[in-house]
Amino acid sequence: MKKLTVFILSLFMMLMMGSQSVLANNRIDASAAIMADASTGQIIYKQNVDKALPVASITKLLTILVIEDEIQQKQLSWDTQVKITPEIA
């Protein structure tokens, strides 16, 4: 299930970016972007990585993915209340 969800999210991102989002100078038409090799953690591409931006929609989707994974592993339930401390926020 997790691999399928990651695949769907990846496919969604590729469709959203499309071929027109890459400019002639190989910059992504976005405020910021980062690409990393998942197995090594090596940064492959970065653009404005230090720029402060609001939380992106993909971050929200990945948060849901993590929550669903923890629910499947019985670490959380849909009724679990999580307190967000100022340090975490």
PDB file of N, CA and C in Angstrom:
ATOM      1  N   MET A   1       0.831  -1.194   0.000  1.00  0.00           N
ATOM      2  CA  MET A   1       0.000   0.000   0.000  1.00  0.00           C
ATOM      3  C   MET A   1       0.874   1.256   0.000  1.00  0.00           C
ATOM      4  N   LYS A   2       1.927   1.235   0.818  1.00  0.00           N
ATOM      5  CA  LYS A   2       2.790   2.408   0.926  1.00  0.00           C
ATOM      6  C   LYS A   2       3.506   2.668  -0.399  1.00  0.00           C
ATOM      7  N   LYS A   3       4.003   1.607  -1.045  1.00  0.00           N
ATOM      8  CA  LYS A   3       4.692   1.773  -2.324  1.00  0.00           C
ATOM      9  C   LYS A   3       3.732   2.303  -3.382  1.00  0.00           C
ATOM     10  N   LEU A   4       2.494   1.828  -3.364  1.00  0.00           N
ATOM     11  CA  LEU A   4       1.499   2.297  -4.319  1.00  0.00           C
ATOM     12  C   LEU A   4       1.202   3.775  -4.101  1.00  0.00           C
ATOM     13  N   THR A   5       1.078   4.182  -2.845  1.00  0.00           N
ATOM     14  CA  THR A   5       0.801   5.583  -2.535  1.00  0.00           C
ATOM     15  C   THR A   5       1.964   6.466  -2.965  1.00  0.00           C
ATOM     16  N   VAL A   6       3.199   6.043  -2.712  1.00  0.00           N
ATOM     17  CA  VAL A   6       4.372   6.810  -3.132  1.00  0.00           C
ATOM     18  C   VAL A   6       4.414   6.897  -4.651  1.00  0.00           C
ATOM     19  N   PHE A   7       4.100   5.801  -5.329  1.00  0.00           N
ATOM     20  CA  PHE A   7       4.081   5.804  -6.794  1.00  0.00           C
ATOM     21  C   PHE A   7       3.040   6.787  -7.312  1.00  0.00           C
ATOM     22  N   ILE A   8       1.857   6.777  -6.725  1.00  0.00           N
ATOM     23  CA  ILE A   8       0.792   7.690  -7.161  1.00  0.00           C
ATOM     24  C   ILE A   8       1.189   9.137  -6.913  1.00  0.00           C
ATOM     25  N   LEU A   9       1.781   9.417  -5.755  1.00  0.00           N
ATOM     26  CA  LEU A   9       2.235  10.777  -5.475  1.00  0.00           C
ATOM     27  C   LEU A   9       3.317  11.216  -6.451  1.00  0.00           C
ATOM     28  N   SER A  10       4.233  10.317  -6.783  1.00  0.00           N
ATOM     29  CA  SER A  10       5.292  10.633  -7.742  1.00  0.00           C
ATOM     30  C   SER A  10       4.709  10.898  -9.119  1.00  0.00           C
ATOM     31  N   LEU A  11       3.777  10.069  -9.534  1.00  0.00           N
ATOM     32  CA  LEU A  11       3.129  10.255 -10.826  1.00  0.00           C
ATOM     33  C   LEU A  11       2.384  11.582 -10.863  1.00  0.00           C
ATOM     34  N   PHE A  12       1.683  11.897  -9.799  1.00  0.00           N
ATOM     35  CA  PHE A  12       0.963  13.159  -9.692  1.00  0.00           C
ATOM     36  C   PHE A  12       1.913  14.347  -9.841  1.00  0.00           C
ATOM     37  N   MET A  13       3.057  14.289  -9.162  1.00  0.00           N
ATOM     38  CA  MET A  13       4.026  15.382  -9.235  1.00  0.00           C
ATOM     39  C   MET A  13       4.578  15.529 -10.651  1.00  0.00           C
ATOM     40  N   MET A  14       4.864  14.412 -11.318  1.00  0.00           N
ATOM     41  CA  MET A  14       5.386  14.482 -12.686  1.00  0.00           C
ATOM     42  C   MET A  14       4.351  15.090 -13.621  1.00  0.00           C
ATOM     43  N   LEU A  15       3.096  14.714 -13.447  1.00  0.00           N
ATOM     44  CA  LEU A  15       2.045  15.266 -14.294  1.00  0.00           C
ATOM     45  C   LEU A  15       1.845  16.753 -14.042  1.00  0.00           C
ATOM     46  N   MET A  16       1.939  17.152 -12.775  1.00  0.00           N
ATOM     47  CA  MET A  16       1.753  18.562 -12.426  1.00  0.00           C
ATOM     48  C   MET A  16       2.892  19.422 -12.966  1.00  0.00           C
ATOM     49  N   MET A  17       4.097  18.904 -12.947  1.00  0.00           N
ATOM     50  CA  MET A  17       5.238  19.675 -13.414  1.00  0.00           C
ATOM     51  C   MET A  17       5.236  19.771 -14.929  1.00  0.00           C
ATOM     52  N   GLY A  18       4.972  18.676 -15.614  1.00  0.00           N
ATOM     53  CA  GLY A  18       4.913  18.672 -17.063  1.00  0.00           C
ATOM     54  C   GLY A  18       6.204  19.112 -17.705  1.00  0.00           C
ATOM     55  N   SER A  19       6.262  19.018 -19.006  1.00  0.00           N
ATOM     56  CA  SER A  19       7.482  19.383 -19.722  1.00  0.00           C
ATOM     57  C   SER A  19       7.672  20.885 -19.812  1.00  0.00           C
ATOM     58  N   GLN A  20       6.622  21.686 -19.645  1.00  0.00           N
ATOM     59  CA  GLN A  20       6.735  23.131 -19.773  1.00  0.00           C
ATOM     60  C   GLN A  20       7.295  23.794 -18.528  1.00  0.00           C
ATOM     61  N   SER A  21       7.369  23.079 -17.424  1.00  0.00           N
ATOM     62  CA  SER A  21       7.838  23.696 -16.191  1.00  0.00           C
ATOM     63  C   SER A  21       9.350  23.837 -16.130  1.00  0.00           C
ATOM     64  N   VAL A  22      10.067  23.162 -16.994  1.00  0.00           N
ATOM     65  CA  VAL A  22      11.518  23.285 -17.023  1.00  0.00           C
ATOM     66  C   VAL A  22      11.881  24.367 -18.024  1.00  0.00           C
ATOM     67  N   LEU A  23      12.603  25.359 -17.559  1.00  0.00           N
ATOM     68  CA  LEU A  23      12.980  26.471 -18.406  1.00  0.00           C
ATOM     69  C   LEU A  23      14.224  26.132 -19.211  1.00  0.00           C
ATOM     70  N   ALA A  24      14.575  27.005 -20.158  1.00  0.00           N
ATOM     71  CA  ALA A  24      15.710  26.766 -21.044  1.00  0.00           C
ATOM     72  C   ALA A  24      17.023  26.640 -20.274  1.00  0.00           C
ATOM     73  N   ASN A  25      17.156  27.297 -19.130  1.00  0.00           N
ATOM     74  CA  ASN A  25      18.400  27.234 -18.372  1.00  0.00           C
ATOM     75  C   ASN A  25      18.383  26.115 -17.331  1.00  0.00           C
ATOM     76  N   ASN A  26      17.498  25.127 -17.496  1.00  0.00           N
ATOM     77  CA  ASN A  26      17.374  23.961 -16.612  1.00  0.00           C
ATOM     78  C   ASN A  26      16.949  24.314 -15.197  1.00  0.00           C
ATOM     79  N   ARG A  27      16.326  25.453 -15.017  1.00  0.00           N
ATOM     80  CA  ARG A  27      15.747  25.794 -13.718  1.00  0.00           C
ATOM     81  C   ARG A  27      14.288  25.372 -13.712  1.00  0.00           C
ATOM     82  N   ILE A  28      13.816  24.952 -12.577  1.00  0.00           N
ATOM     83  CA  ILE A  28      12.422  24.561 -12.421  1.00  0.00           C
ATOM     84  C   ILE A  28      11.595  25.833 -12.239  1.00  0.00           C
ATOM     85  N   ASP A  29      10.453  25.898 -12.897  1.00  0.00           N
ATOM     86  CA  ASP A  29       9.579  27.059 -12.786  1.00  0.00           C
ATOM     87  C   ASP A  29       8.788  26.966 -11.476  1.00  0.00           C
ATOM     88  N   ALA A  30       9.498  27.182 -10.372  1.00  0.00           N
ATOM     89  CA  ALA A  30       8.905  27.116  -9.039  1.00  0.00           C
ATOM     90  C   ALA A  30       9.706  28.027  -8.122  1.00  0.00           C
ATOM     91  N   SER A  31       9.121  28.407  -7.000  1.00  0.00           N
ATOM     92  CA  SER A  31       9.829  29.263  -6.045  1.00  0.00           C
ATOM     93  C   SER A  31      11.053  28.558  -5.475  1.00  0.00           C
ATOM     94  N   ALA A  32      10.927  27.258  -5.245  1.00  0.00           N
ATOM     95  CA  ALA A  32      12.040  26.477  -4.705  1.00  0.00           C
ATOM     96  C   ALA A  32      11.835  25.020  -5.098  1.00  0.00           C
ATOM     97  N   ALA A  33      12.931  24.270  -5.166  1.00  0.00           N
ATOM     98  CA  ALA A  33      12.851  22.852  -5.511  1.00  0.00           C
ATOM     99  C   ALA A  33      14.082  22.134  -4.978  1.00  0.00           C
ATOM    100  N   ILE A  34      13.907  20.843  -4.707  1.00  0.00           N
ATOM    101  CA  ILE A  34      15.036  20.010  -4.303  1.00  0.00           C
ATOM    102  C   ILE A  34      14.770  18.588  -4.774  1.00  0.00           C
ATOM    103  N   MET A  35      15.815  17.917  -5.257  1.00  0.00           N
ATOM    104  CA  MET A  35      15.720  16.524  -5.670  1.00  0.00           C
ATOM    105  C   MET A  35      16.878  15.777  -5.025  1.00  0.00           C
ATOM    106  N   ALA A  36      16.548  14.667  -4.389  1.00  0.00           N
ATOM    107  CA  ALA A  36      17.570  13.872  -3.707  1.00  0.00           C
ATOM    108  C   ALA A  36      17.412  12.413  -4.086  1.00  0.00           C
ATOM    109  N   ASP A  37      18.524  11.686  -4.097  1.00  0.00           N
ATOM    110  CA  ASP A  37      18.512  10.247  -4.309  1.00  0.00           C
ATOM    111  C   ASP A  37      18.014   9.614  -3.014  1.00  0.00           C
ATOM    112  N   ALA A  38      16.901   8.908  -3.077  1.00  0.00           N
ATOM    113  CA  ALA A  38      16.288   8.344  -1.874  1.00  0.00           C
ATOM    114  C   ALA A  38      17.172   7.316  -1.189  1.00  0.00           C
ATOM    115  N   SER A  39      17.974   6.588  -1.940  1.00  0.00           N
ATOM    116  CA  SER A  39      18.786   5.545  -1.322  1.00  0.00           C
ATOM    117  C   SER A  39      20.064   6.084  -0.674  1.00  0.00           C
ATOM    118  N   THR A  40      20.627   7.165  -1.214  1.00  0.00           N
ATOM    119  CA  THR A  40      21.888   7.694  -0.669  1.00  0.00           C
ATOM    120  C   THR A  40      21.726   9.018   0.068  1.00  0.00           C
ATOM    121  N   GLY A  41      20.631   9.732  -0.201  1.00  0.00           N
ATOM    122  CA  GLY A  41      20.443  11.045   0.397  1.00  0.00           C
ATOM    123  C   GLY A  41      21.215  12.139  -0.323  1.00  0.00           C
ATOM    124  N   GLN A  42      21.909  11.784  -1.405  1.00  0.00           N
ATOM    125  CA  GLN A  42      22.694  12.768  -2.158  1.00  0.00           C
ATOM    126  C   GLN A  42      21.752  13.747  -2.862  1.00  0.00           C
ATOM    127  N   ILE A  43      22.040  15.047  -2.718  1.00  0.00           N
ATOM    128  CA  ILE A  43      21.257  16.079  -3.373  1.00  0.00           C
ATOM    129  C   ILE A  43      21.642  16.111  -4.852  1.00  0.00           C
ATOM    130  N   ILE A  44      20.665  15.930  -5.725  1.00  0.00           N
ATOM    131  CA  ILE A  44      20.897  15.914  -7.163  1.00  0.00           C
ATOM    132  C   ILE A  44      20.671  17.305  -7.753  1.00  0.00           C
ATOM    133  N   TYR A  45      19.648  18.007  -7.257  1.00  0.00           N
ATOM    134  CA  TYR A  45      19.313  19.336  -7.760  1.00  0.00           C
ATOM    135  C   TYR A  45      18.741  20.149  -6.616  1.00  0.00           C
ATOM    136  N   LYS A  46      19.080  21.425  -6.576  1.00  0.00           N
ATOM    137  CA  LYS A  46      18.465  22.310  -5.587  1.00  0.00           C
ATOM    138  C   LYS A  46      18.344  23.706  -6.176  1.00  0.00           C
ATOM    139  N   GLN A  47      17.280  24.376  -5.760  1.00  0.00           N
ATOM    140  CA  GLN A  47      16.994  25.723  -6.231  1.00  0.00           C
ATOM    141  C   GLN A  47      16.310  26.471  -5.092  1.00  0.00           C
ATOM    142  N   ASN A  48      16.929  27.542  -4.630  1.00  0.00           N
ATOM    143  CA  ASN A  48      16.386  28.376  -3.545  1.00  0.00           C
ATOM    144  C   ASN A  48      16.023  27.557  -2.303  1.00  0.00           C
ATOM    145  N   VAL A  49      16.882  26.636  -1.913  1.00  0.00           N
ATOM    146  CA  VAL A  49      16.560  25.755  -0.782  1.00  0.00           C
ATOM    147  C   VAL A  49      16.528  26.490   0.560  1.00  0.00           C
ATOM    148  N   ASP A  50      17.164  27.649   0.651  1.00  0.00           N
ATOM    149  CA  ASP A  50      17.176  28.395   1.909  1.00  0.00           C
ATOM    150  C   ASP A  50      16.069  29.444   1.978  1.00  0.00           C
ATOM    151  N   LYS A  51      15.253  29.537   0.946  1.00  0.00           N
ATOM    152  CA  LYS A  51      14.173  30.525   0.897  1.00  0.00           C
ATOM    153  C   LYS A  51      13.022  30.070   1.790  1.00  0.00           C
ATOM    154  N   ALA A  52      12.562  30.961   2.681  1.00  0.00           N
ATOM    155  CA  ALA A  52      11.447  30.638   3.578  1.00  0.00           C
ATOM    156  C   ALA A  52      10.139  30.729   2.797  1.00  0.00           C
ATOM    157  N   LEU A  53       9.397  29.635   2.763  1.00  0.00           N
ATOM    158  CA  LEU A  53       8.145  29.563   2.018  1.00  0.00           C
ATOM    159  C   LEU A  53       7.077  28.897   2.875  1.00  0.00           C
ATOM    160  N   PRO A  54       5.787  29.134   2.562  1.00  0.00           N
ATOM    161  CA  PRO A  54       4.730  28.420   3.289  1.00  0.00           C
ATOM    162  C   PRO A  54       4.762  26.929   2.945  1.00  0.00           C
ATOM    163  N   VAL A  55       4.115  26.135   3.766  1.00  0.00           N
ATOM    164  CA  VAL A  55       4.076  24.688   3.577  1.00  0.00           C
ATOM    165  C   VAL A  55       3.385  24.368   2.247  1.00  0.00           C
ATOM    166  N   ALA A  56       3.979  23.486   1.473  1.00  0.00           N
ATOM    167  CA  ALA A  56       3.444  23.115   0.163  1.00  0.00           C
ATOM    168  C   ALA A  56       2.416  21.992   0.290  1.00  0.00           C
ATOM    169  N   SER A  57       1.589  21.858  -0.711  1.00  0.00           N
ATOM    170  CA  SER A  57       0.559  20.810  -0.703  1.00  0.00           C
ATOM    171  C   SER A  57       1.169  19.421  -0.636  1.00  0.00           C
ATOM    172  N   ILE A  58       2.302  19.196  -1.298  1.00  0.00           N
ATOM    173  CA  ILE A  58       2.917  17.873  -1.273  1.00  0.00           C
ATOM    174  C   ILE A  58       3.342  17.508   0.148  1.00  0.00           C
ATOM    175  N   THR A  59       3.724  18.522   0.929  1.00  0.00           N
ATOM    176  CA  THR A  59       4.078  18.265   2.326  1.00  0.00           C
ATOM    177  C   THR A  59       2.857  17.753   3.085  1.00  0.00           C
ATOM    178  N   LYS A  60       1.708  18.330   2.813  1.00  0.00           N
ATOM    179  CA  LYS A  60       0.479  17.878   3.462  1.00  0.00           C
ATOM    180  C   LYS A  60       0.142  16.450   3.044  1.00  0.00           C
ATOM    181  N   LEU A  61       0.322  16.132   1.762  1.00  0.00           N
ATOM    182  CA  LEU A  61       0.050  14.775   1.288  1.00  0.00           C
ATOM    183  C   LEU A  61       0.995  13.766   1.926  1.00  0.00           C
ATOM    184  N   LEU A  62       2.258  14.119   2.040  1.00  0.00           N
ATOM    185  CA  LEU A  62       3.218  13.205   2.661  1.00  0.00           C
ATOM    186  C   LEU A  62       2.940  13.038   4.147  1.00  0.00           C
ATOM    187  N   THR A  63       2.441  14.087   4.796  1.00  0.00           N
ATOM    188  CA  THR A  63       2.057  13.978   6.204  1.00  0.00           C
ATOM    189  C   THR A  63       0.940  12.951   6.363  1.00  0.00           C
ATOM    190  N   ILE A  64      -0.045  13.015   5.485  1.00  0.00           N
ATOM    191  CA  ILE A  64      -1.136  12.039   5.523  1.00  0.00           C
ATOM    192  C   ILE A  64      -0.603  10.631   5.273  1.00  0.00           C
ATOM    193  N   LEU A  65       0.342  10.491   4.364  1.00  0.00           N
ATOM    194  CA  LEU A  65       0.947   9.188   4.083  1.00  0.00           C
ATOM    195  C   LEU A  65       1.605   8.606   5.335  1.00  0.00           C
ATOM    196  N   VAL A  66       2.346   9.439   6.060  1.00  0.00           N
ATOM    197  CA  VAL A  66       3.005   8.985   7.294  1.00  0.00           C
ATOM    198  C   VAL A  66       1.958   8.603   8.340  1.00  0.00           C
ATOM    199  N   ILE A  67       0.917   9.419   8.473  1.00  0.00           N
ATOM    200  CA  ILE A  67      -0.137   9.135   9.459  1.00  0.00           C
ATOM    201  C   ILE A  67      -0.827   7.809   9.128  1.00  0.00           C
ATOM    202  N   GLU A  68      -1.180   7.604   7.856  1.00  0.00           N
ATOM    203  CA  GLU A  68      -1.833   6.356   7.469  1.00  0.00           C
ATOM    204  C   GLU A  68      -0.921   5.149   7.718  1.00  0.00           C
ATOM    205  N   ASP A  69       0.362   5.315   7.474  1.00  0.00           N
ATOM    206  CA  ASP A  69       1.312   4.239   7.731  1.00  0.00           C
ATOM    207  C   ASP A  69       1.358   3.904   9.216  1.00  0.00           C
ATOM    208  N   GLU A  70       1.379   4.919  10.079  1.00  0.00           N
ATOM    209  CA  GLU A  70       1.417   4.679  11.525  1.00  0.00           C
ATOM    210  C   GLU A  70       0.105   4.086  12.023  1.00  0.00           C
ATOM    211  N   ILE A  71      -1.002   4.417  11.392  1.00  0.00           N
ATOM    212  CA  ILE A  71      -2.284   3.803  11.758  1.00  0.00           C
ATOM    213  C   ILE A  71      -2.281   2.326  11.398  1.00  0.00           C
ATOM    214  N   GLN A  72      -1.752   2.000  10.212  1.00  0.00           N
ATOM    215  CA  GLN A  72      -1.663   0.589   9.807  1.00  0.00           C
ATOM    216  C   GLN A  72      -0.772  -0.210  10.742  1.00  0.00           C
ATOM    217  N   GLN A  73       0.272   0.428  11.283  1.00  0.00           N
ATOM    218  CA  GLN A  73       1.184  -0.253  12.198  1.00  0.00           C
ATOM    219  C   GLN A  73       0.680  -0.205  13.642  1.00  0.00           C
ATOM    220  N   LYS A  74      -0.540   0.302  13.830  1.00  0.00           N
ATOM    221  CA  LYS A  74      -1.188   0.376  15.148  1.00  0.00           C
ATOM    222  C   LYS A  74      -0.442   1.297  16.128  1.00  0.00           C
ATOM    223  N   GLN A  75       0.338   2.243  15.607  1.00  0.00           N
ATOM    224  CA  GLN A  75       1.010   3.219  16.470  1.00  0.00           C
ATOM    225  C   GLN A  75       0.086   4.401  16.761  1.00  0.00           C
ATOM    226  N   LEU A  76      -0.864   4.654  15.874  1.00  0.00           N
ATOM    227  CA  LEU A  76      -1.860   5.717  16.025  1.00  0.00           C
ATOM    228  C   LEU A  76      -3.220   5.164  15.640  1.00  0.00           C
ATOM    229  N   SER A  77      -4.266   5.902  16.013  1.00  0.00           N
ATOM    230  CA  SER A  77      -5.605   5.621  15.496  1.00  0.00           C
ATOM    231  C   SER A  77      -6.153   6.948  14.968  1.00  0.00           C
ATOM    232  N   TRP A  78      -7.268   6.866  14.247  1.00  0.00           N
ATOM    233  CA  TRP A  78      -7.851   8.105  13.710  1.00  0.00           C
ATOM    234  C   TRP A  78      -8.338   9.025  14.828  1.00  0.00           C
ATOM    235  N   ASP A  79      -8.517   8.489  16.022  1.00  0.00           N
ATOM    236  CA  ASP A  79      -8.986   9.290  17.158  1.00  0.00           C
ATOM    237  C   ASP A  79      -7.853   9.815  18.027  1.00  0.00           C
ATOM    238  N   THR A  80      -6.611   9.467  17.727  1.00  0.00           N
ATOM    239  CA  THR A  80      -5.466   9.904  18.524  1.00  0.00           C
ATOM    240  C   THR A  80      -5.314  11.413  18.432  1.00  0.00           C
ATOM    241  N   GLN A  81      -5.233  12.059  19.601  1.00  0.00           N
ATOM    242  CA  GLN A  81      -4.982  13.496  19.623  1.00  0.00           C
ATOM    243  C   GLN A  81      -3.494  13.719  19.841  1.00  0.00           C
ATOM    244  N   VAL A  82      -2.906  14.575  19.027  1.00  0.00           N
ATOM    245  CA  VAL A  82      -1.476  14.862  19.095  1.00  0.00           C
ATOM    246  C   VAL A  82      -1.316  16.318  19.459  1.00  0.00           C
ATOM    247  N   LYS A  83      -0.575  16.566  20.544  1.00  0.00           N
ATOM    248  CA  LYS A  83      -0.337  17.931  20.974  1.00  0.00           C
ATOM    249  C   LYS A  83       0.935  18.448  20.284  1.00  0.00           C
ATOM    250  N   ILE A  84       0.814  19.575  19.638  1.00  0.00           N
ATOM    251  CA  ILE A  84       1.947  20.200  18.963  1.00  0.00           C
ATOM    252  C   ILE A  84       2.567  21.228  19.918  1.00  0.00           C
ATOM    253  N   THR A  85       3.787  20.956  20.313  1.00  0.00           N
ATOM    254  CA  THR A  85       4.483  21.866  21.219  1.00  0.00           C
ATOM    255  C   THR A  85       5.048  23.061  20.439  1.00  0.00           C
ATOM    256  N   PRO A  86       5.335  24.158  21.111  1.00  0.00           N
ATOM    257  CA  PRO A  86       5.936  25.309  20.408  1.00  0.00           C
ATOM    258  C   PRO A  86       7.253  24.959  19.737  1.00  0.00           C
ATOM    259  N   GLU A  87       8.025  24.042  20.341  1.00  0.00           N
ATOM    260  CA  GLU A  87       9.288  23.643  19.744  1.00  0.00           C
ATOM    261  C   GLU A  87       9.090  22.940  18.413  1.00  0.00           C
ATOM    262  N   ILE A  88       8.107  22.056  18.364  1.00  0.00           N
ATOM    263  CA  ILE A  88       7.810  21.328  17.125  1.00  0.00           C
ATOM    264  C   ILE A  88       7.234  22.272  16.067  1.00  0.00           C
ATOM    265  N   ALA A  89       6.343  23.156  16.507  1.00  0.00           N
ATOM    266  CA  ALA A  89       5.714  24.104  15.561  1.00  0.00           C
ATOM    267  C   ALA A  89       6.771  25.007  14.976  1.00  0.00           C
TER     268      ALA A  89
END
